């Protein structure tokens, strides 16, 4: 079992920055792909960014150039640095974790592909943290 706990959400004005954290505990050796997903009111959950075990990253188009996903393996912590925030970034942000395999793919290819999904195949999820961006 893996437990994920997010922190760092809040309210900011348009153009501001936030950094989200996700602390993982438990059987973390089983994790090969971690990601950030978000869900706005009335919308389907969407991928934001993913990172594989060796730090290779993939971003959704909405996040490219503004968000940075990173991890500190020594601390078992995942981060999402969000800059130049826009009102449309308002959502509940979730971190997720799973193993190396997805839809016939392994490792980096699998992790990359998962960025374009709603993450439903991820086995472990945090409780979510609210991000609100005002104009």
C-alpha atoms as a PDB file:
ATOM      1  CA  UNK A   1       0.000   0.000   0.000  1.00  0.00           C
ATOM      2  CA  UNK A   2       1.048   3.560  -0.719  1.00  0.00           C
ATOM      3  CA  UNK A   3      -0.311   6.658   0.987  1.00  0.00           C
ATOM      4  CA  UNK A   4      -0.204  10.046  -0.687  1.00  0.00           C
ATOM      5  CA  UNK A   5      -0.797  13.346   1.119  1.00  0.00           C
ATOM      6  CA  UNK A   6      -0.938  16.630  -0.783  1.00  0.00           C
ATOM      7  CA  UNK A   7      -0.313  20.103   0.574  1.00  0.00           C
ATOM      8  CA  UNK A   8       0.350  23.599  -0.696  1.00  0.00           C
ATOM      9  CA  UNK A   9      -2.924  24.585  -2.300  1.00  0.00           C
ATOM     10  CA  UNK A  10      -4.507  27.966  -1.722  1.00  0.00           C
ATOM     11  CA  UNK A  11      -5.847  31.115  -3.309  1.00  0.00           C
ATOM     12  CA  UNK A  12      -3.769  33.411  -5.483  1.00  0.00           C
ATOM     13  CA  UNK A  13      -4.350  36.150  -7.979  1.00  0.00           C
ATOM     14  CA  UNK A  14      -3.873  35.671 -11.686  1.00  0.00           C
ATOM     15  CA  UNK A  15      -0.152  35.628 -12.504  1.00  0.00           C
ATOM     16  CA  UNK A  16       0.801  34.302  -9.098  1.00  0.00           C
ATOM     17  CA  UNK A  17       2.592  31.115  -8.127  1.00  0.00           C
ATOM     18  CA  UNK A  18       2.002  28.114  -5.899  1.00  0.00           C
ATOM     19  CA  UNK A  19       3.962  24.988  -5.133  1.00  0.00           C
ATOM     20  CA  UNK A  20       2.131  21.785  -4.392  1.00  0.00           C
ATOM     21  CA  UNK A  21       3.729  18.915  -2.514  1.00  0.00           C
ATOM     22  CA  UNK A  22       2.768  15.263  -2.287  1.00  0.00           C
ATOM     23  CA  UNK A  23       4.374  13.116   0.388  1.00  0.00           C
ATOM     24  CA  UNK A  24       4.387   9.386  -0.297  1.00  0.00           C
ATOM     25  CA  UNK A  25       4.699   6.712   2.360  1.00  0.00           C
ATOM     26  CA  UNK A  26       4.361   2.965   2.545  1.00  0.00           C
ATOM     27  CA  UNK A  27       5.581   0.617  -0.176  1.00  0.00           C
ATOM     28  CA  UNK A  28       7.091   3.379  -2.326  1.00  0.00           C
ATOM     29  CA  UNK A  29       9.501   0.975  -4.062  1.00  0.00           C
ATOM     30  CA  UNK A  30       6.518  -0.168  -6.115  1.00  0.00           C
ATOM     31  CA  UNK A  31       6.027   3.278  -7.662  1.00  0.00           C
ATOM     32  CA  UNK A  32       7.365   3.921 -11.171  1.00  0.00           C
ATOM     33  CA  UNK A  33       5.153   6.774 -12.310  1.00  0.00           C
ATOM     34  CA  UNK A  34       3.711   9.706 -10.398  1.00  0.00           C
ATOM     35  CA  UNK A  35       1.549  12.475 -11.685  1.00  0.00           C
ATOM     36  CA  UNK A  36      -0.554  15.500 -10.963  1.00  0.00           C
ATOM     37  CA  UNK A  37      -4.147  15.610 -12.123  1.00  0.00           C
ATOM     38  CA  UNK A  38      -6.810  18.236 -11.626  1.00  0.00           C
ATOM     39  CA  UNK A  39     -10.572  18.486 -11.673  1.00  0.00           C
ATOM     40  CA  UNK A  40     -12.483  21.710 -12.054  1.00  0.00           C
ATOM     41  CA  UNK A  41     -16.148  21.972 -11.053  1.00  0.00           C
ATOM     42  CA  UNK A  42     -18.345  20.266 -13.612  1.00  0.00           C
ATOM     43  CA  UNK A  43     -15.376  19.028 -15.591  1.00  0.00           C
ATOM     44  CA  UNK A  44     -13.714  15.682 -16.024  1.00  0.00           C
ATOM     45  CA  UNK A  45     -10.439  15.095 -14.264  1.00  0.00           C
ATOM     46  CA  UNK A  46      -7.458  15.775 -16.531  1.00  0.00           C
ATOM     47  CA  UNK A  47      -3.757  15.115 -16.502  1.00  0.00           C
ATOM     48  CA  UNK A  48      -1.361  17.952 -15.751  1.00  0.00           C
ATOM     49  CA  UNK A  49       2.081  16.362 -15.628  1.00  0.00           C
ATOM     50  CA  UNK A  50       3.783  13.055 -14.926  1.00  0.00           C
ATOM     51  CA  UNK A  51       7.262  11.983 -13.913  1.00  0.00           C
ATOM     52  CA  UNK A  52       8.845   8.557 -14.032  1.00  0.00           C
ATOM     53  CA  UNK A  53      11.152   6.972 -11.523  1.00  0.00           C
ATOM     54  CA  UNK A  54      14.308   8.466 -13.045  1.00  0.00           C
ATOM     55  CA  UNK A  55      12.854  11.938 -13.435  1.00  0.00           C
ATOM     56  CA  UNK A  56      11.680  12.055 -17.033  1.00  0.00           C
ATOM     57  CA  UNK A  57       8.725  14.392 -17.297  1.00  0.00           C
ATOM     58  CA  UNK A  58       5.718  14.936 -19.530  1.00  0.00           C
ATOM     59  CA  UNK A  59       3.312  17.857 -19.476  1.00  0.00           C
ATOM     60  CA  UNK A  60      -0.169  18.483 -20.723  1.00  0.00           C
ATOM     61  CA  UNK A  61      -0.371  21.377 -23.171  1.00  0.00           C
ATOM     62  CA  UNK A  62      -2.092  23.503 -20.536  1.00  0.00           C
ATOM     63  CA  UNK A  63       0.911  23.160 -18.230  1.00  0.00           C
ATOM     64  CA  UNK A  64       3.813  23.505 -20.636  1.00  0.00           C
ATOM     65  CA  UNK A  65       6.014  26.493 -19.941  1.00  0.00           C
ATOM     66  CA  UNK A  66       4.246  27.370 -16.690  1.00  0.00           C
ATOM     67  CA  UNK A  67       4.316  24.277 -14.457  1.00  0.00           C
ATOM     68  CA  UNK A  68       7.246  22.143 -13.375  1.00  0.00           C
ATOM     69  CA  UNK A  69       6.910  18.667 -11.909  1.00  0.00           C
ATOM     70  CA  UNK A  70       9.791  17.334  -9.836  1.00  0.00           C
ATOM     71  CA  UNK A  71      10.523  14.769  -7.166  1.00  0.00           C
ATOM     72  CA  UNK A  72      12.860  14.284  -4.265  1.00  0.00           C
ATOM     73  CA  UNK A  73      13.359  10.542  -4.050  1.00  0.00           C
ATOM     74  CA  UNK A  74      15.196  10.811  -0.739  1.00  0.00           C
ATOM     75  CA  UNK A  75      12.156  12.469   0.796  1.00  0.00           C
ATOM     76  CA  UNK A  76       9.591  10.465  -1.212  1.00  0.00           C
ATOM     77  CA  UNK A  77       7.986  13.750  -2.166  1.00  0.00           C
ATOM     78  CA  UNK A  78       6.502  14.941  -5.443  1.00  0.00           C
ATOM     79  CA  UNK A  79       6.207  18.624  -6.291  1.00  0.00           C
ATOM     80  CA  UNK A  80       4.353  20.803  -8.759  1.00  0.00           C
ATOM     81  CA  UNK A  81       5.622  24.346  -9.146  1.00  0.00           C
ATOM     82  CA  UNK A  82       2.934  26.428 -10.793  1.00  0.00           C
ATOM     83  CA  UNK A  83       3.791  29.863 -12.173  1.00  0.00           C
ATOM     84  CA  UNK A  84       1.811  32.398 -14.186  1.00  0.00           C
ATOM     85  CA  UNK A  85      -1.397  30.964 -12.827  1.00  0.00           C
ATOM     86  CA  UNK A  86      -4.650  31.710 -14.645  1.00  0.00           C
ATOM     87  CA  UNK A  87      -8.261  31.570 -13.449  1.00  0.00           C
ATOM     88  CA  UNK A  88      -8.762  28.488 -15.625  1.00  0.00           C
ATOM     89  CA  UNK A  89      -6.200  26.673 -13.470  1.00  0.00           C
ATOM     90  CA  UNK A  90      -8.728  26.724 -10.623  1.00  0.00           C
ATOM     91  CA  UNK A  91      -9.380  23.107  -9.642  1.00  0.00           C
ATOM     92  CA  UNK A  92      -8.758  20.443  -7.061  1.00  0.00           C
ATOM     93  CA  UNK A  93      -5.292  19.058  -7.696  1.00  0.00           C
ATOM     94  CA  UNK A  94      -4.535  15.419  -6.975  1.00  0.00           C
ATOM     95  CA  UNK A  95      -1.314  13.502  -6.963  1.00  0.00           C
ATOM     96  CA  UNK A  96      -1.340   9.903  -8.125  1.00  0.00           C
ATOM     97  CA  UNK A  97       1.094   7.016  -8.224  1.00  0.00           C
ATOM     98  CA  UNK A  98       1.324   3.627  -9.841  1.00  0.00           C
ATOM     99  CA  UNK A  99       3.663   1.029 -11.274  1.00  0.00           C
ATOM    100  CA  UNK A 100       5.525   0.823 -14.579  1.00  0.00           C
ATOM    101  CA  UNK A 101       2.874  -0.689 -16.855  1.00  0.00           C
ATOM    102  CA  UNK A 102       0.030   0.988 -18.730  1.00  0.00           C
ATOM    103  CA  UNK A 103      -1.880  -0.100 -21.812  1.00  0.00           C
ATOM    104  CA  UNK A 104       0.865  -2.268 -23.282  1.00  0.00           C
ATOM    105  CA  UNK A 105       3.586   0.231 -22.465  1.00  0.00           C
ATOM    106  CA  UNK A 106       6.282   0.286 -19.814  1.00  0.00           C
ATOM    107  CA  UNK A 107       8.236   2.864 -17.868  1.00  0.00           C
ATOM    108  CA  UNK A 108       8.663   6.255 -19.544  1.00  0.00           C
ATOM    109  CA  UNK A 109       6.352   5.495 -22.475  1.00  0.00           C
ATOM    110  CA  UNK A 110       3.652   4.369 -20.074  1.00  0.00           C
ATOM    111  CA  UNK A 111       4.080   7.386 -17.817  1.00  0.00           C
ATOM    112  CA  UNK A 112       3.995   9.756 -20.781  1.00  0.00           C
ATOM    113  CA  UNK A 113       0.814   8.182 -22.142  1.00  0.00           C
ATOM    114  CA  UNK A 114      -0.896   8.512 -18.803  1.00  0.00           C
ATOM    115  CA  UNK A 115      -0.527  12.291 -18.896  1.00  0.00           C
ATOM    116  CA  UNK A 116      -3.180  12.370 -21.625  1.00  0.00           C
ATOM    117  CA  UNK A 117      -5.697  10.394 -19.585  1.00  0.00           C
ATOM    118  CA  UNK A 118      -7.913  11.134 -16.607  1.00  0.00           C
ATOM    119  CA  UNK A 119      -5.659   8.924 -14.536  1.00  0.00           C
ATOM    120  CA  UNK A 120      -8.266   6.316 -13.742  1.00  0.00           C
ATOM    121  CA  UNK A 121      -5.712   3.520 -14.016  1.00  0.00           C
ATOM    122  CA  UNK A 122      -3.537   4.929 -11.240  1.00  0.00           C
ATOM    123  CA  UNK A 123      -3.830   2.785  -8.146  1.00  0.00           C
ATOM    124  CA  UNK A 124      -2.986   5.358  -5.502  1.00  0.00           C
ATOM    125  CA  UNK A 125      -4.402   8.835  -4.987  1.00  0.00           C
ATOM    126  CA  UNK A 126      -4.084  11.656  -2.544  1.00  0.00           C
ATOM    127  CA  UNK A 127      -7.040  13.449  -1.027  1.00  0.00           C
ATOM    128  CA  UNK A 128      -6.647  16.524  -3.234  1.00  0.00           C
ATOM    129  CA  UNK A 129      -5.807  20.147  -2.565  1.00  0.00           C
ATOM    130  CA  UNK A 130      -7.797  23.141  -3.760  1.00  0.00           C
ATOM    131  CA  UNK A 131      -6.172  25.741  -5.984  1.00  0.00           C
ATOM    132  CA  UNK A 132      -8.162  28.910  -6.645  1.00  0.00           C
ATOM    133  CA  UNK A 133      -6.931  31.609  -9.010  1.00  0.00           C
ATOM    134  CA  UNK A 134      -8.800  34.911  -9.091  1.00  0.00           C
ATOM    135  CA  UNK A 135      -8.670  37.412 -11.914  1.00  0.00           C
END
